[in-house]
Amino acid sequence: MEHLFYNSYLEVDLGVIRQNAVNIQNGLKYNRTLIPAIKGNAHGYGTVQIARMLSEDVGIKTLACAQIIEGVKMREAGLNNTDILLLGAVPYHAAPYAVKYGFHIPVFNKEMVKIISDEGRRQKKIPKVQVKIEVGLHRLGVLPGEPFIELLNYIKKLGNIELAGIYSHFSNAYEKDDPITLKQ
């Protein structure tokens, strides 16, 4: 009834979102998989509702979110068979929670890798990490080349971390046919 007092409202059709995800997933080539980003309360649509639909109805195996609290909400809602990739940097003080909830934790420097490794040993878990590469957007990430190789070798040396993946962000995703983005 409250919606009657607003000038506008948003009606979300989960069926359309579901079908869009299925269409995208089916259109991917080379054994690639869709990893939807469920952030900012799914852009207002509802984190848990959207995550559950994508996981259970569409069969999405990995979801991404920007902050730990979003991932915690998904885990506490029972989404325990879906991998959750944290896209943003994890504050050092929050590393215990990232390990506890079994998130894929972004790493881009040795200091964070060491914190995650130590926390994994403390909790008797093998944390999963994904290396974030800086490719020109000038956000967080390890530089490609030698710094990247050094970080991979450090992860391997510690021995109690699973390297679950590597990811980056387009350096310019807003210009159509940007040559650098197309190369990426």
C-alpha atoms as a PDB file:
ATOM      1  CA  MET A   1       0.000   0.000   0.000  1.00  0.00           C
ATOM      2  CA  GLU A   2       2.866   2.389   0.803  1.00  0.00           C
ATOM      3  CA  HIS A   3       3.984   2.362  -2.852  1.00  0.00           C
ATOM      4  CA  LEU A   4       0.796   4.226  -3.775  1.00  0.00           C
ATOM      5  CA  PHE A   5       2.190   7.379  -2.156  1.00  0.00           C
ATOM      6  CA  TYR A   6       5.337   7.526  -4.279  1.00  0.00           C
ATOM      7  CA  ASN A   7       5.574   9.205  -7.665  1.00  0.00           C
ATOM      8  CA  SER A   8       7.343   6.159  -9.061  1.00  0.00           C
ATOM      9  CA  TYR A   9       8.291   2.653  -8.031  1.00  0.00           C
ATOM     10  CA  LEU A  10      10.348  -0.201  -9.392  1.00  0.00           C
ATOM     11  CA  GLU A  11       8.843  -3.567 -10.129  1.00  0.00           C
ATOM     12  CA  VAL A  12      11.418  -6.344 -10.519  1.00  0.00           C
ATOM     13  CA  ASP A  13      10.620  -9.362 -12.668  1.00  0.00           C
ATOM     14  CA  LEU A  14      12.879 -12.169 -11.430  1.00  0.00           C
ATOM     15  CA  GLY A  15      11.845 -14.231 -14.444  1.00  0.00           C
ATOM     16  CA  VAL A  16      13.430 -11.701 -16.783  1.00  0.00           C
ATOM     17  CA  ILE A  17      16.624 -11.521 -14.721  1.00  0.00           C
ATOM     18  CA  ARG A  18      16.715 -15.333 -14.646  1.00  0.00           C
ATOM     19  CA  GLN A  19      16.263 -15.583 -18.422  1.00  0.00           C
ATOM     20  CA  ASN A  20      18.906 -12.915 -19.058  1.00  0.00           C
ATOM     21  CA  ALA A  21      21.409 -14.866 -16.923  1.00  0.00           C
ATOM     22  CA  VAL A  22      20.558 -18.105 -18.747  1.00  0.00           C
ATOM     23  CA  ASN A  23      20.947 -16.418 -22.142  1.00  0.00           C
ATOM     24  CA  ILE A  24      24.316 -14.925 -21.204  1.00  0.00           C
ATOM     25  CA  GLN A  25      25.563 -18.203 -19.725  1.00  0.00           C
ATOM     26  CA  ASN A  26      24.457 -20.149 -22.808  1.00  0.00           C
ATOM     27  CA  GLY A  27      26.139 -17.632 -25.105  1.00  0.00           C
ATOM     28  CA  LEU A  28      29.572 -17.922 -23.518  1.00  0.00           C
ATOM     29  CA  LYS A  29      32.222 -19.789 -25.482  1.00  0.00           C
ATOM     30  CA  TYR A  30      35.339 -21.741 -24.586  1.00  0.00           C
ATOM     31  CA  ASN A  31      34.035 -23.233 -21.333  1.00  0.00           C
ATOM     32  CA  ARG A  32      33.773 -19.803 -19.729  1.00  0.00           C
ATOM     33  CA  THR A  33      31.292 -19.161 -16.973  1.00  0.00           C
ATOM     34  CA  LEU A  34      29.262 -16.187 -15.872  1.00  0.00           C
ATOM     35  CA  ILE A  35      30.177 -14.643 -12.501  1.00  0.00           C
ATOM     36  CA  PRO A  36      27.464 -12.083 -11.705  1.00  0.00           C
ATOM     37  CA  ALA A  37      28.354  -9.238  -9.355  1.00  0.00           C
ATOM     38  CA  ILE A  38      25.736  -8.940  -6.618  1.00  0.00           C
ATOM     39  CA  LYS A  39      26.675  -5.647  -5.000  1.00  0.00           C
ATOM     40  CA  GLY A  40      24.902  -2.639  -3.548  1.00  0.00           C
ATOM     41  CA  ASN A  41      21.951  -4.826  -2.501  1.00  0.00           C
ATOM     42  CA  ALA A  42      21.933  -6.162  -6.083  1.00  0.00           C
ATOM     43  CA  HIS A  43      21.565  -2.548  -7.200  1.00  0.00           C
ATOM     44  CA  GLY A  44      18.414  -2.338  -5.100  1.00  0.00           C
ATOM     45  CA  TYR A  45      16.830  -5.631  -6.163  1.00  0.00           C
ATOM     46  CA  GLY A  46      17.800  -7.597  -3.032  1.00  0.00           C
ATOM     47  CA  THR A  47      21.142  -9.329  -2.499  1.00  0.00           C
ATOM     48  CA  VAL A  48      19.880 -12.619  -1.113  1.00  0.00           C
ATOM     49  CA  GLN A  49      16.868 -12.916  -3.413  1.00  0.00           C
ATOM     50  CA  ILE A  50      18.917 -12.355  -6.566  1.00  0.00           C
ATOM     51  CA  ALA A  51      21.847 -14.494  -5.366  1.00  0.00           C
ATOM     52  CA  ARG A  52      19.576 -17.399  -4.456  1.00  0.00           C
ATOM     53  CA  MET A  53      17.778 -17.273  -7.804  1.00  0.00           C
ATOM     54  CA  LEU A  54      21.056 -17.177  -9.760  1.00  0.00           C
ATOM     55  CA  SER A  55      22.571 -19.999  -7.731  1.00  0.00           C
ATOM     56  CA  GLU A  56      19.591 -22.325  -7.385  1.00  0.00           C
ATOM     57  CA  ASP A  57      17.550 -21.635 -10.538  1.00  0.00           C
ATOM     58  CA  VAL A  58      20.284 -20.791 -13.057  1.00  0.00           C
ATOM     59  CA  GLY A  59      23.071 -22.940 -11.607  1.00  0.00           C
ATOM     60  CA  ILE A  60      25.629 -20.166 -11.241  1.00  0.00           C
ATOM     61  CA  LYS A  61      28.635 -21.612  -9.374  1.00  0.00           C
ATOM     62  CA  THR A  62      30.379 -18.350  -8.428  1.00  0.00           C
ATOM     63  CA  LEU A  63      28.917 -14.996  -7.415  1.00  0.00           C
ATOM     64  CA  ALA A  64      30.880 -11.816  -6.795  1.00  0.00           C
ATOM     65  CA  CYS A  65      30.233  -8.993  -4.368  1.00  0.00           C
ATOM     66  CA  ALA A  66      31.993  -5.784  -3.420  1.00  0.00           C
ATOM     67  CA  GLN A  67      32.058  -6.054   0.372  1.00  0.00           C
ATOM     68  CA  ILE A  68      32.290  -8.746   3.016  1.00  0.00           C
ATOM     69  CA  ILE A  69      28.874  -7.903   4.482  1.00  0.00           C
ATOM     70  CA  GLU A  70      27.202  -8.768   1.162  1.00  0.00           C
ATOM     71  CA  GLY A  71      28.903 -12.166   1.135  1.00  0.00           C
ATOM     72  CA  VAL A  72      28.057 -12.766   4.790  1.00  0.00           C
ATOM     73  CA  LYS A  73      24.379 -12.118   4.044  1.00  0.00           C
ATOM     74  CA  MET A  74      24.507 -14.687   1.245  1.00  0.00           C
ATOM     75  CA  ARG A  75      26.207 -17.272   3.459  1.00  0.00           C
ATOM     76  CA  GLU A  76      23.824 -16.678   6.367  1.00  0.00           C
ATOM     77  CA  ALA A  77      20.904 -17.145   3.954  1.00  0.00           C
ATOM     78  CA  GLY A  78      22.219 -20.641   3.231  1.00  0.00           C
ATOM     79  CA  LEU A  79      24.176 -20.102   0.008  1.00  0.00           C
ATOM     80  CA  ASN A  80      26.983 -22.403   1.087  1.00  0.00           C
ATOM     81  CA  ASN A  81      27.452 -24.367  -2.145  1.00  0.00           C
ATOM     82  CA  THR A  82      28.225 -21.264  -4.187  1.00  0.00           C
ATOM     83  CA  ASP A  83      31.676 -19.694  -4.334  1.00  0.00           C
ATOM     84  CA  ILE A  84      31.686 -16.009  -3.455  1.00  0.00           C
ATOM     85  CA  LEU A  85      34.406 -13.757  -4.847  1.00  0.00           C
ATOM     86  CA  LEU A  86      35.048 -10.509  -3.004  1.00  0.00           C
ATOM     87  CA  LEU A  87      35.894  -7.877  -5.608  1.00  0.00           C
ATOM     88  CA  GLY A  88      37.054  -5.099  -3.303  1.00  0.00           C
ATOM     89  CA  ALA A  89      40.021  -5.029  -0.989  1.00  0.00           C
ATOM     90  CA  VAL A  90      39.525  -6.787   2.329  1.00  0.00           C
ATOM     91  CA  PRO A  91      40.590  -4.618   5.277  1.00  0.00           C
ATOM     92  CA  TYR A  92      43.274  -6.393   7.291  1.00  0.00           C
ATOM     93  CA  HIS A  93      41.063  -6.498  10.391  1.00  0.00           C
ATOM     94  CA  ALA A  94      38.343  -8.289   8.395  1.00  0.00           C
ATOM     95  CA  ALA A  95      40.587 -11.083   7.092  1.00  0.00           C
ATOM     96  CA  PRO A  96      39.395 -13.540   9.788  1.00  0.00           C
ATOM     97  CA  TYR A  97      35.814 -13.212   8.515  1.00  0.00           C
ATOM     98  CA  ALA A  98      36.812 -13.596   4.881  1.00  0.00           C
ATOM     99  CA  VAL A  99      38.561 -16.861   5.774  1.00  0.00           C
ATOM    100  CA  LYS A 100      35.779 -18.021   8.120  1.00  0.00           C
ATOM    101  CA  TYR A 101      33.064 -17.637   5.470  1.00  0.00           C
ATOM    102  CA  GLY A 102      35.179 -19.280   2.774  1.00  0.00           C
ATOM    103  CA  PHE A 103      35.214 -16.367   0.360  1.00  0.00           C
ATOM    104  CA  HIS A 104      37.586 -16.057  -2.581  1.00  0.00           C
ATOM    105  CA  ILE A 105      39.753 -13.258  -1.202  1.00  0.00           C
ATOM    106  CA  PRO A 106      41.372 -10.720  -3.528  1.00  0.00           C
ATOM    107  CA  VAL A 107      45.115 -10.318  -3.039  1.00  0.00           C
ATOM    108  CA  PHE A 108      47.564  -8.010  -4.733  1.00  0.00           C
ATOM    109  CA  ASN A 109      50.445  -7.689  -2.272  1.00  0.00           C
ATOM    110  CA  LYS A 110      52.564  -9.966  -0.084  1.00  0.00           C
ATOM    111  CA  GLU A 111      51.337  -8.364   3.139  1.00  0.00           C
ATOM    112  CA  MET A 112      47.734  -9.416   2.531  1.00  0.00           C
ATOM    113  CA  VAL A 113      48.782 -12.867   1.343  1.00  0.00           C
ATOM    114  CA  LYS A 114      50.704 -13.357   4.613  1.00  0.00           C
ATOM    115  CA  ILE A 115      47.735 -12.191   6.699  1.00  0.00           C
ATOM    116  CA  ILE A 116      45.426 -14.605   4.874  1.00  0.00           C
ATOM    117  CA  SER A 117      47.938 -17.440   5.217  1.00  0.00           C
ATOM    118  CA  ASP A 118      48.364 -16.847   8.960  1.00  0.00           C
ATOM    119  CA  GLU A 119      44.608 -16.644   9.453  1.00  0.00           C
ATOM    120  CA  GLY A 120      44.099 -19.846   7.495  1.00  0.00           C
ATOM    121  CA  ARG A 121      46.580 -21.645   9.743  1.00  0.00           C
ATOM    122  CA  ARG A 122      44.868 -20.233  12.845  1.00  0.00           C
ATOM    123  CA  GLN A 123      41.434 -21.417  11.655  1.00  0.00           C
ATOM    124  CA  LYS A 124      42.827 -24.671  10.236  1.00  0.00           C
ATOM    125  CA  LYS A 125      41.447 -23.817   6.791  1.00  0.00           C
ATOM    126  CA  ILE A 126      42.911 -23.466   3.324  1.00  0.00           C
ATOM    127  CA  PRO A 127      41.875 -19.976   2.208  1.00  0.00           C
ATOM    128  CA  LYS A 128      41.062 -19.369  -1.450  1.00  0.00           C
ATOM    129  CA  VAL A 129      42.517 -16.283  -3.063  1.00  0.00           C
ATOM    130  CA  GLN A 130      42.249 -14.595  -6.421  1.00  0.00           C
ATOM    131  CA  VAL A 131      45.044 -12.322  -7.605  1.00  0.00           C
ATOM    132  CA  LYS A 132      43.790  -8.916  -8.750  1.00  0.00           C
ATOM    133  CA  ILE A 133      45.881  -7.488 -11.584  1.00  0.00           C
ATOM    134  CA  GLU A 134      46.153  -3.746 -12.224  1.00  0.00           C
ATOM    135  CA  VAL A 135      45.682  -3.159 -15.950  1.00  0.00           C
ATOM    136  CA  GLY A 136      45.229   0.585 -16.213  1.00  0.00           C
ATOM    137  CA  LEU A 137      42.142   1.548 -14.243  1.00  0.00           C
ATOM    138  CA  HIS A 138      44.426   2.643 -11.387  1.00  0.00           C
ATOM    139  CA  ARG A 139      42.481   0.853  -8.703  1.00  0.00           C
ATOM    140  CA  LEU A 140      43.892  -1.926  -6.594  1.00  0.00           C
ATOM    141  CA  GLY A 141      45.979  -4.650  -8.134  1.00  0.00           C
ATOM    142  CA  VAL A 142      49.429  -6.077  -8.641  1.00  0.00           C
ATOM    143  CA  LEU A 143      51.241  -4.901 -11.743  1.00  0.00           C
ATOM    144  CA  PRO A 144      51.592  -7.418 -14.564  1.00  0.00           C
ATOM    145  CA  GLY A 145      55.000  -8.901 -15.296  1.00  0.00           C
ATOM    146  CA  GLU A 146      57.617  -9.444 -12.598  1.00  0.00           C
ATOM    147  CA  PRO A 147      55.542  -8.143  -9.632  1.00  0.00           C
ATOM    148  CA  PHE A 148      52.757 -10.568 -10.609  1.00  0.00           C
ATOM    149  CA  ILE A 149      55.182 -13.512 -10.910  1.00  0.00           C
ATOM    150  CA  GLU A 150      56.767 -12.649  -7.543  1.00  0.00           C
ATOM    151  CA  LEU A 151      53.340 -12.629  -5.879  1.00  0.00           C
ATOM    152  CA  LEU A 152      52.429 -16.009  -7.396  1.00  0.00           C
ATOM    153  CA  ASN A 153      55.717 -17.478  -6.185  1.00  0.00           C
ATOM    154  CA  TYR A 154      55.100 -16.093  -2.693  1.00  0.00           C
ATOM    155  CA  ILE A 155      51.636 -17.691  -2.575  1.00  0.00           C
ATOM    156  CA  LYS A 156      53.146 -21.012  -3.639  1.00  0.00           C
ATOM    157  CA  LYS A 157      55.946 -20.713  -1.071  1.00  0.00           C
ATOM    158  CA  LEU A 158      53.504 -20.268   1.827  1.00  0.00           C
ATOM    159  CA  GLY A 159      51.857 -23.536   0.864  1.00  0.00           C
ATOM    160  CA  ASN A 160      48.504 -23.225   2.636  1.00  0.00           C
ATOM    161  CA  ILE A 161      46.610 -21.024   0.191  1.00  0.00           C
ATOM    162  CA  GLU A 162      44.597 -22.149  -2.826  1.00  0.00           C
ATOM    163  CA  LEU A 163      44.979 -19.920  -5.866  1.00  0.00           C
ATOM    164  CA  ALA A 164      41.384 -20.006  -7.119  1.00  0.00           C
ATOM    165  CA  GLY A 165      41.783 -17.504  -9.936  1.00  0.00           C
ATOM    166  CA  ILE A 166      43.124 -14.297 -11.383  1.00  0.00           C
ATOM    167  CA  TYR A 167      41.039 -11.290 -12.370  1.00  0.00           C
ATOM    168  CA  SER A 168      41.252  -7.680 -13.420  1.00  0.00           C
ATOM    169  CA  HIS A 169      39.042  -4.798 -14.383  1.00  0.00           C
ATOM    170  CA  PHE A 170      38.793  -3.249 -17.813  1.00  0.00           C
ATOM    171  CA  SER A 171      40.884  -0.097 -17.914  1.00  0.00           C
ATOM    172  CA  ASN A 172      38.189   1.699 -19.889  1.00  0.00           C
ATOM    173  CA  ALA A 173      34.876  -0.118 -20.078  1.00  0.00           C
ATOM    174  CA  TYR A 174      32.874   2.977 -20.923  1.00  0.00           C
ATOM    175  CA  GLU A 175      34.074   3.730 -24.458  1.00  0.00           C
ATOM    176  CA  LYS A 176      32.693   1.562 -27.218  1.00  0.00           C
ATOM    177  CA  ASP A 177      35.425  -0.226 -29.198  1.00  0.00           C
ATOM    178  CA  ASP A 178      38.250   1.145 -27.023  1.00  0.00           C
ATOM    179  CA  PRO A 179      41.379  -0.563 -28.420  1.00  0.00           C
ATOM    180  CA  ILE A 180      42.917  -1.208 -24.988  1.00  0.00           C
ATOM    181  CA  THR A 181      39.684  -2.731 -23.671  1.00  0.00           C
ATOM    182  CA  LEU A 182      39.334  -4.898 -26.776  1.00  0.00           C
ATOM    183  CA  LYS A 183      42.916  -6.121 -26.307  1.00  0.00           C
ATOM    184  CA  GLN A 184      42.232  -6.969 -22.669  1.00  0.00           C
END
